[in-house]
C-alpha atoms as a PDB file:
ATOM      1  CA  UNK A   1      61.932  97.263 110.476  1.00  0.00           C
ATOM      2  CA  UNK A   2      65.004  98.041 108.341  1.00  0.00           C
ATOM      3  CA  UNK A   3      68.184  99.041 110.182  1.00  0.00           C
ATOM      4  CA  UNK A   4      68.898 102.677 109.440  1.00  0.00           C
ATOM      5  CA  UNK A   5      72.389 102.663 110.975  1.00  0.00           C
ATOM      6  CA  UNK A   6      75.579 101.802 109.119  1.00  0.00           C
ATOM      7  CA  UNK A   7      77.461  98.702 110.239  1.00  0.00           C
ATOM      8  CA  UNK A   8      80.121  99.269 112.871  1.00  0.00           C
ATOM      9  CA  UNK A   9      82.409  96.270 112.208  1.00  0.00           C
ATOM     10  CA  UNK A  10      83.837  97.248 108.815  1.00  0.00           C
ATOM     11  CA  UNK A  11      87.608  97.259 108.339  1.00  0.00           C
ATOM     12  CA  UNK A  12      89.716 100.434 108.270  1.00  0.00           C
ATOM     13  CA  UNK A  13      91.377 101.798 105.147  1.00  0.00           C
ATOM     14  CA  UNK A  14      94.746 100.585 106.446  1.00  0.00           C
ATOM     15  CA  UNK A  15      93.382  97.089 107.091  1.00  0.00           C
ATOM     16  CA  UNK A  16      91.785  97.049 103.651  1.00  0.00           C
ATOM     17  CA  UNK A  17      94.910  98.061 101.767  1.00  0.00           C
ATOM     18  CA  UNK A  18      97.195  95.788 103.813  1.00  0.00           C
ATOM     19  CA  UNK A  19      94.793  92.890 103.164  1.00  0.00           C
ATOM     20  CA  UNK A  20      95.119  93.579  99.439  1.00  0.00           C
ATOM     21  CA  UNK A  21      98.918  93.533  99.792  1.00  0.00           C
ATOM     22  CA  UNK A  22      98.703  90.243 101.689  1.00  0.00           C
ATOM     23  CA  UNK A  23      96.300  88.789  99.079  1.00  0.00           C
ATOM     24  CA  UNK A  24      98.706  89.860  96.303  1.00  0.00           C
ATOM     25  CA  UNK A  25     101.533  88.091  98.157  1.00  0.00           C
ATOM     26  CA  UNK A  26      99.611  84.831  97.738  1.00  0.00           C
ATOM     27  CA  UNK A  27     100.428  84.993  93.981  1.00  0.00           C
ATOM     28  CA  UNK A  28     104.175  84.684  94.707  1.00  0.00           C
ATOM     29  CA  UNK A  29     105.791  81.377  93.703  1.00  0.00           C
ATOM     30  CA  UNK A  30     108.623  81.894  96.232  1.00  0.00           C
ATOM     31  CA  UNK A  31     108.551  78.893  98.580  1.00  0.00           C
ATOM     32  CA  UNK A  32     110.080  80.853 101.481  1.00  0.00           C
ATOM     33  CA  UNK A  33     109.016  84.475 101.413  1.00  0.00           C
ATOM     34  CA  UNK A  34     105.825  85.864  99.909  1.00  0.00           C
ATOM     35  CA  UNK A  35     105.564  89.655  99.863  1.00  0.00           C
ATOM     36  CA  UNK A  36     102.816  91.849  98.442  1.00  0.00           C
ATOM     37  CA  UNK A  37     102.527  95.593  97.909  1.00  0.00           C
ATOM     38  CA  UNK A  38      99.597  97.922  97.333  1.00  0.00           C
ATOM     39  CA  UNK A  39     100.101 101.564  96.251  1.00  0.00           C
ATOM     40  CA  UNK A  40      97.343 103.971  97.247  1.00  0.00           C
ATOM     41  CA  UNK A  41      96.743 107.622  96.339  1.00  0.00           C
ATOM     42  CA  UNK A  42      96.227 110.225  99.029  1.00  0.00           C
ATOM     43  CA  UNK A  43      92.475 110.000  98.377  1.00  0.00           C
ATOM     44  CA  UNK A  44      92.415 106.228  99.009  1.00  0.00           C
ATOM     45  CA  UNK A  45      92.379 105.029  95.405  1.00  0.00           C
ATOM     46  CA  UNK A  46      94.303 101.858  94.664  1.00  0.00           C
ATOM     47  CA  UNK A  47      96.888 102.735  92.014  1.00  0.00           C
ATOM     48  CA  UNK A  48      98.778  99.478  91.661  1.00  0.00           C
ATOM     49  CA  UNK A  49      99.658  96.154  93.277  1.00  0.00           C
ATOM     50  CA  UNK A  50     102.590  93.756  93.004  1.00  0.00           C
ATOM     51  CA  UNK A  51     104.215  90.715  94.567  1.00  0.00           C
ATOM     52  CA  UNK A  52     107.698  89.213  94.602  1.00  0.00           C
ATOM     53  CA  UNK A  53     108.532  86.923  91.730  1.00  0.00           C
ATOM     54  CA  UNK A  54     110.476  86.122  88.629  1.00  0.00           C
ATOM     55  CA  UNK A  55     110.885  88.828  85.968  1.00  0.00           C
ATOM     56  CA  UNK A  56     108.484  88.685  82.976  1.00  0.00           C
ATOM     57  CA  UNK A  57     109.693  86.051  80.553  1.00  0.00           C
ATOM     58  CA  UNK A  58     111.736  84.070  83.117  1.00  0.00           C
ATOM     59  CA  UNK A  59     110.059  80.672  83.348  1.00  0.00           C
ATOM     60  CA  UNK A  60     108.913  80.038  86.942  1.00  0.00           C
ATOM     61  CA  UNK A  61     109.849  76.368  86.562  1.00  0.00           C
ATOM     62  CA  UNK A  62     113.437  77.223  85.675  1.00  0.00           C
ATOM     63  CA  UNK A  63     113.778  80.083  88.162  1.00  0.00           C
ATOM     64  CA  UNK A  64     116.257  79.361  91.007  1.00  0.00           C
ATOM     65  CA  UNK A  65     114.015  79.684  94.092  1.00  0.00           C
ATOM     66  CA  UNK A  66     116.726  78.597  96.555  1.00  0.00           C
ATOM     67  CA  UNK A  67     118.201  80.799  99.270  1.00  0.00           C
ATOM     68  CA  UNK A  68     121.461  78.952  99.929  1.00  0.00           C
ATOM     69  CA  UNK A  69     124.486  78.182  97.826  1.00  0.00           C
ATOM     70  CA  UNK A  70     126.415  79.995  95.155  1.00  0.00           C
ATOM     71  CA  UNK A  71     124.843  83.424  94.687  1.00  0.00           C
ATOM     72  CA  UNK A  72     124.080  82.978  90.975  1.00  0.00           C
ATOM     73  CA  UNK A  73     122.218  79.745  91.761  1.00  0.00           C
ATOM     74  CA  UNK A  74     119.925  81.411  94.320  1.00  0.00           C
ATOM     75  CA  UNK A  75     116.901  83.678  93.795  1.00  0.00           C
ATOM     76  CA  UNK A  76     118.588  86.835  95.118  1.00  0.00           C
ATOM     77  CA  UNK A  77     120.229  88.258  91.974  1.00  0.00           C
ATOM     78  CA  UNK A  78     117.060  87.620  89.924  1.00  0.00           C
ATOM     79  CA  UNK A  79     113.845  88.094  91.919  1.00  0.00           C
ATOM     80  CA  UNK A  80     111.775  91.243  91.472  1.00  0.00           C
ATOM     81  CA  UNK A  81     110.483  92.517  94.827  1.00  0.00           C
ATOM     82  CA  UNK A  82     106.838  93.386  95.404  1.00  0.00           C
ATOM     83  CA  UNK A  83     107.506  97.119  95.724  1.00  0.00           C
ATOM     84  CA  UNK A  84     109.347  97.217  92.398  1.00  0.00           C
ATOM     85  CA  UNK A  85     106.605  95.251  90.684  1.00  0.00           C
ATOM     86  CA  UNK A  86     103.836  97.481  92.108  1.00  0.00           C
ATOM     87  CA  UNK A  87     105.665 100.643  90.888  1.00  0.00           C
ATOM     88  CA  UNK A  88     106.431  99.163  87.482  1.00  0.00           C
ATOM     89  CA  UNK A  89     102.891  97.754  87.119  1.00  0.00           C
ATOM     90  CA  UNK A  90     101.429 101.254  87.463  1.00  0.00           C
ATOM     91  CA  UNK A  91     100.163 102.495  84.116  1.00  0.00           C
ATOM     92  CA  UNK A  92      99.116 106.047  84.960  1.00  0.00           C
ATOM     93  CA  UNK A  93     100.915 109.332  85.261  1.00  0.00           C
ATOM     94  CA  UNK A  94     103.952 109.419  87.560  1.00  0.00           C
ATOM     95  CA  UNK A  95     102.346 112.513  89.068  1.00  0.00           C
ATOM     96  CA  UNK A  96      99.740 110.226  90.692  1.00  0.00           C
ATOM     97  CA  UNK A  97     102.478 108.361  92.605  1.00  0.00           C
ATOM     98  CA  UNK A  98     103.716 111.586  94.151  1.00  0.00           C
ATOM     99  CA  UNK A  99     102.412 111.718  97.713  1.00  0.00           C
ATOM    100  CA  UNK A 100     101.063 108.160  97.485  1.00  0.00           C
ATOM    101  CA  UNK A 101     101.401 105.489 100.173  1.00  0.00           C
ATOM    102  CA  UNK A 102     102.692 101.957  99.743  1.00  0.00           C
ATOM    103  CA  UNK A 103     101.458  99.080 101.916  1.00  0.00           C
ATOM    104  CA  UNK A 104     103.887  96.160 102.218  1.00  0.00           C
ATOM    105  CA  UNK A 105     103.937  93.258 104.580  1.00  0.00           C
ATOM    106  CA  UNK A 106     107.741  93.314 104.888  1.00  0.00           C
ATOM    107  CA  UNK A 107     109.813  96.478 105.413  1.00  0.00           C
ATOM    108  CA  UNK A 108     111.510  97.400 102.121  1.00  0.00           C
ATOM    109  CA  UNK A 109     115.140  96.560 101.396  1.00  0.00           C
ATOM    110  CA  UNK A 110     117.531  99.361 100.410  1.00  0.00           C
ATOM    111  CA  UNK A 111     117.090  98.744  96.681  1.00  0.00           C
ATOM    112  CA  UNK A 112     113.320  99.020  96.963  1.00  0.00           C
ATOM    113  CA  UNK A 113     113.723 102.052  99.208  1.00  0.00           C
ATOM    114  CA  UNK A 114     115.568 103.837  96.420  1.00  0.00           C
ATOM    115  CA  UNK A 115     112.845 102.891  93.904  1.00  0.00           C
ATOM    116  CA  UNK A 116     110.135 104.095  96.318  1.00  0.00           C
ATOM    117  CA  UNK A 117     111.913 107.398  96.783  1.00  0.00           C
ATOM    118  CA  UNK A 118     112.478 107.894  93.047  1.00  0.00           C
ATOM    119  CA  UNK A 119     108.826 107.134  92.301  1.00  0.00           C
ATOM    120  CA  UNK A 120     107.584 109.957  94.516  1.00  0.00           C
ATOM    121  CA  UNK A 121     105.830 107.750  97.123  1.00  0.00           C
ATOM    122  CA  UNK A 122     105.894 109.557 100.467  1.00  0.00           C
ATOM    123  CA  UNK A 123     104.756 106.991 103.019  1.00  0.00           C
ATOM    124  CA  UNK A 124     105.482 103.303 103.706  1.00  0.00           C
ATOM    125  CA  UNK A 125     103.148 101.228 105.892  1.00  0.00           C
ATOM    126  CA  UNK A 126     104.498  97.776 106.762  1.00  0.00           C
ATOM    127  CA  UNK A 127     103.605  94.804 108.976  1.00  0.00           C
ATOM    128  CA  UNK A 128     106.970  93.139 109.645  1.00  0.00           C
ATOM    129  CA  UNK A 129     110.539  94.360 109.989  1.00  0.00           C
ATOM    130  CA  UNK A 130     112.121  90.989 110.628  1.00  0.00           C
ATOM    131  CA  UNK A 131     115.360  92.132 108.984  1.00  0.00           C
ATOM    132  CA  UNK A 132     115.526  95.406 110.956  1.00  0.00           C
ATOM    133  CA  UNK A 133     119.159  94.911 111.982  1.00  0.00           C
ATOM    134  CA  UNK A 134     120.414  93.973 108.505  1.00  0.00           C
ATOM    135  CA  UNK A 135     122.630  96.427 106.631  1.00  0.00           C
ATOM    136  CA  UNK A 136     119.960  96.628 103.885  1.00  0.00           C
ATOM    137  CA  UNK A 137     117.227  97.757 106.265  1.00  0.00           C
ATOM    138  CA  UNK A 138     119.479 100.116 108.184  1.00  0.00           C
ATOM    139  CA  UNK A 139     120.300 101.689 104.812  1.00  0.00           C
ATOM    140  CA  UNK A 140     116.580 101.826 103.922  1.00  0.00           C
ATOM    141  CA  UNK A 141     115.718 103.745 107.069  1.00  0.00           C
ATOM    142  CA  UNK A 142     118.610 106.142 106.485  1.00  0.00           C
ATOM    143  CA  UNK A 143     117.462 106.698 102.884  1.00  0.00           C
ATOM    144  CA  UNK A 144     113.868 107.264 103.974  1.00  0.00           C
ATOM    145  CA  UNK A 145     114.881 109.616 106.808  1.00  0.00           C
ATOM    146  CA  UNK A 146     117.163 111.726 104.600  1.00  0.00           C
ATOM    147  CA  UNK A 147     114.612 111.928 101.807  1.00  0.00           C
ATOM    148  CA  UNK A 148     111.586 112.742 103.936  1.00  0.00           C
ATOM    149  CA  UNK A 149     109.747 109.449 103.444  1.00  0.00           C
ATOM    150  CA  UNK A 150     107.708 108.475 106.480  1.00  0.00           C
ATOM    151  CA  UNK A 151     107.335 104.837 107.476  1.00  0.00           C
ATOM    152  CA  UNK A 152     105.035 103.278 110.020  1.00  0.00           C
ATOM    153  CA  UNK A 153     104.613  99.818 111.388  1.00  0.00           C
ATOM    154  CA  UNK A 154     101.002  98.767 111.212  1.00  0.00           C
ATOM    155  CA  UNK A 155      99.678  96.958 114.243  1.00  0.00           C
ATOM    156  CA  UNK A 156      96.646  94.747 114.002  1.00  0.00           C
ATOM    157  CA  UNK A 157      94.551  93.388 116.843  1.00  0.00           C
ATOM    158  CA  UNK A 158      93.687  90.226 115.007  1.00  0.00           C
ATOM    159  CA  UNK A 159      96.304  89.166 112.489  1.00  0.00           C
ATOM    160  CA  UNK A 160      93.934  87.006 110.465  1.00  0.00           C
ATOM    161  CA  UNK A 161      90.549  87.186 108.884  1.00  0.00           C
ATOM    162  CA  UNK A 162      88.695  84.872 106.573  1.00  0.00           C
ATOM    163  CA  UNK A 163      87.555  85.740 103.064  1.00  0.00           C
ATOM    164  CA  UNK A 164      84.196  84.180 102.464  1.00  0.00           C
ATOM    165  CA  UNK A 165      83.156  83.274  98.915  1.00  0.00           C
ATOM    166  CA  UNK A 166      79.521  82.269  99.135  1.00  0.00           C
ATOM    167  CA  UNK A 167      78.097  79.792  96.608  1.00  0.00           C
ATOM    168  CA  UNK A 168      75.104  81.212  94.834  1.00  0.00           C
END
Protein backbone atom coordinates (compact mmCIF):
# COMPACT_ATOMS: atom_id res chain seq x y z
CA UNK A 1 0.00 0.00 0.00
CA UNK A 2 1.30 3.44 -0.95
CA UNK A 3 2.06 5.88 1.87
CA UNK A 4 -0.46 8.71 1.74
CA UNK A 5 1.33 10.89 4.29
CA UNK A 6 4.04 13.43 3.46
CA UNK A 7 7.51 12.78 4.86
CA UNK A 8 8.23 14.32 8.23
CA UNK A 9 12.05 14.58 8.08
CA UNK A 10 12.42 17.28 5.42
CA UNK A 11 14.57 20.33 6.16
CA UNK A 12 13.13 23.74 7.04
CA UNK A 13 13.32 26.76 4.74
CA UNK A 14 16.04 28.25 6.96
CA UNK A 15 18.09 25.04 6.81
CA UNK A 16 17.61 24.86 3.05
CA UNK A 17 18.74 28.42 2.36
CA UNK A 18 21.65 28.26 4.80
CA UNK A 19 22.76 24.99 3.18
CA UNK A 20 22.79 26.78 -0.18
CA UNK A 21 24.91 29.55 1.36
CA UNK A 22 27.29 26.94 2.79
CA UNK A 23 27.43 25.09 -0.54
CA UNK A 24 28.21 28.40 -2.30
CA UNK A 25 31.04 28.99 0.18
CA UNK A 26 32.67 25.81 -1.11
CA UNK A 27 33.42 27.70 -4.38
CA UNK A 28 35.68 30.16 -2.52
CA UNK A 29 39.42 29.86 -3.24
CA UNK A 30 40.29 31.53 0.09
CA UNK A 31 42.45 29.05 2.02
CA UNK A 32 41.38 30.42 5.42
CA UNK A 33 37.80 31.68 5.32
CA UNK A 34 35.06 30.46 3.01
CA UNK A 35 31.81 32.41 3.21
CA UNK A 36 28.63 32.00 1.19
CA UNK A 37 25.45 34.05 0.92
CA UNK A 38 21.96 33.31 -0.35
CA UNK A 39 19.38 36.07 -0.89
CA UNK A 40 15.75 35.01 -0.62
CA UNK A 41 12.51 36.88 -1.34
CA UNK A 42 9.77 37.12 1.26
CA UNK A 43 7.94 34.31 -0.57
CA UNK A 44 10.95 31.95 -0.33
CA UNK A 45 12.31 32.37 -3.85
CA UNK A 46 16.08 32.30 -4.22
CA UNK A 47 17.09 35.59 -5.81
CA UNK A 48 20.88 35.30 -5.83
CA UNK A 49 23.91 33.61 -4.32
CA UNK A 50 27.53 34.57 -3.82
CA UNK A 51 30.78 33.63 -2.12
CA UNK A 52 33.96 35.44 -1.11
CA UNK A 53 36.63 35.67 -3.76
CA UNK A 54 38.72 37.69 -6.14
CA UNK A 55 37.02 40.34 -8.29
CA UNK A 56 36.14 39.36 -11.86
CA UNK A 57 39.25 39.56 -14.01
CA UNK A 58 41.72 39.20 -11.10
CA UNK A 59 43.55 35.93 -11.73
CA UNK A 60 43.03 33.60 -8.74
CA UNK A 61 46.60 32.35 -9.14
CA UNK A 62 48.02 35.87 -8.75
CA UNK A 63 45.58 36.96 -6.05
CA UNK A 64 47.24 37.57 -2.64
CA UNK A 65 45.37 35.09 -0.41
CA UNK A 66 47.50 35.77 2.68
CA UNK A 67 46.20 37.30 5.91
CA UNK A 68 49.46 38.55 7.41
CA UNK A 69 52.05 41.09 6.32
CA UNK A 70 51.93 44.42 4.56
CA UNK A 71 48.27 45.28 3.92
CA UNK A 72 48.63 45.61 0.13
CA UNK A 73 50.15 42.13 -0.01
CA UNK A 74 47.21 40.52 1.83
CA UNK A 75 43.74 39.63 0.58
CA UNK A 76 41.94 42.29 2.63
CA UNK A 77 42.03 45.31 0.31
CA UNK A 78 41.02 43.17 -2.69
CA UNK A 79 38.62 40.36 -1.77
CA UNK A 80 34.91 40.68 -2.58
CA UNK A 81 32.77 39.38 0.28
CA UNK A 82 29.95 36.89 -0.26
CA UNK A 83 27.22 39.41 0.58
CA UNK A 84 28.55 41.91 -1.95
CA UNK A 85 28.81 39.24 -4.62
CA UNK A 86 25.30 37.94 -3.97
CA UNK A 87 23.85 41.46 -4.26
CA UNK A 88 25.87 42.29 -7.38
CA UNK A 89 25.08 38.90 -8.96
CA UNK A 90 21.35 39.65 -8.79
CA UNK A 91 20.01 40.39 -12.25
CA UNK A 92 16.40 41.34 -11.48
CA UNK A 93 14.68 44.48 -10.32
CA UNK A 94 16.04 46.15 -7.19
CA UNK A 95 12.42 46.17 -6.00
CA UNK A 96 12.70 42.39 -5.50
CA UNK A 97 15.53 42.85 -2.99
CA UNK A 98 13.40 45.14 -0.84
CA UNK A 99 12.16 43.10 2.12
CA UNK A 100 14.35 40.13 1.15
CA UNK A 101 16.45 38.06 3.57
CA UNK A 102 20.10 37.18 3.26
CA UNK A 103 21.53 33.96 4.68
CA UNK A 104 25.26 34.07 5.48
CA UNK A 105 27.40 31.74 7.47
CA UNK A 106 29.46 34.60 8.96
CA UNK A 107 27.95 37.80 10.41
CA UNK A 108 28.51 40.65 7.91
CA UNK A 109 31.31 43.18 8.31
CA UNK A 110 30.45 46.89 8.39
CA UNK A 111 31.14 47.36 4.67
CA UNK A 112 28.76 44.53 3.77
CA UNK A 113 26.24 45.85 6.29
CA UNK A 114 26.13 49.14 4.38
CA UNK A 115 25.67 47.30 1.07
CA UNK A 116 22.90 45.15 2.58
CA UNK A 117 21.12 48.25 3.88
CA UNK A 118 21.44 50.12 0.59
CA UNK A 119 20.11 47.11 -1.37
CA UNK A 120 16.85 47.05 0.60
CA UNK A 121 17.38 43.67 2.29
CA UNK A 122 15.56 43.70 5.63
CA UNK A 123 16.77 40.58 7.46
CA UNK A 124 20.12 38.86 8.00
CA UNK A 125 20.26 35.23 9.15
CA UNK A 126 23.75 34.04 10.10
CA UNK A 127 25.46 31.01 11.65
CA UNK A 128 28.63 32.43 13.21
CA UNK A 129 29.57 35.74 14.78
CA UNK A 130 33.17 34.86 15.58
CA UNK A 131 34.22 38.50 15.16
CA UNK A 132 31.40 39.85 17.38
CA UNK A 133 33.71 42.05 19.44
CA UNK A 134 35.58 43.55 16.48
CA UNK A 135 35.01 47.22 15.63
CA UNK A 136 33.67 46.14 12.21
CA UNK A 137 30.95 43.93 13.67
CA UNK A 138 30.04 46.40 16.42
CA UNK A 139 29.58 48.97 13.63
CA UNK A 140 27.51 46.45 11.63
CA UNK A 141 25.09 45.90 14.49
CA UNK A 142 24.80 49.65 15.05
CA UNK A 143 24.10 50.21 11.35
CA UNK A 144 21.51 47.43 11.28
CA UNK A 145 19.83 48.63 14.49
CA UNK A 146 19.63 52.26 13.32
CA UNK A 147 18.33 51.30 9.88
CA UNK A 148 15.74 48.76 10.99
CA UNK A 149 17.47 45.67 9.66
CA UNK A 150 16.80 42.61 11.78
CA UNK A 151 19.46 39.97 12.30
CA UNK A 152 19.17 36.55 13.81
CA UNK A 153 21.65 33.85 14.68
CA UNK A 154 20.48 30.54 13.27
CA UNK A 155 20.89 27.57 15.54
CA UNK A 156 21.04 24.08 14.16
CA UNK A 157 20.68 20.83 16.08
CA UNK A 158 23.00 18.94 13.78
CA UNK A 159 25.62 21.13 12.14
CA UNK A 160 26.29 18.73 9.29
CA UNK A 161 24.44 16.73 6.73
CA UNK A 162 25.54 14.73 3.76
CA UNK A 163 24.60 15.43 0.17
CA UNK A 164 24.08 12.17 -1.62
CA UNK A 165 24.65 11.97 -5.37
CA UNK A 166 23.41 8.54 -6.40
CA UNK A 167 24.94 6.85 -9.45
CA UNK A 168 22.29 5.91 -11.98
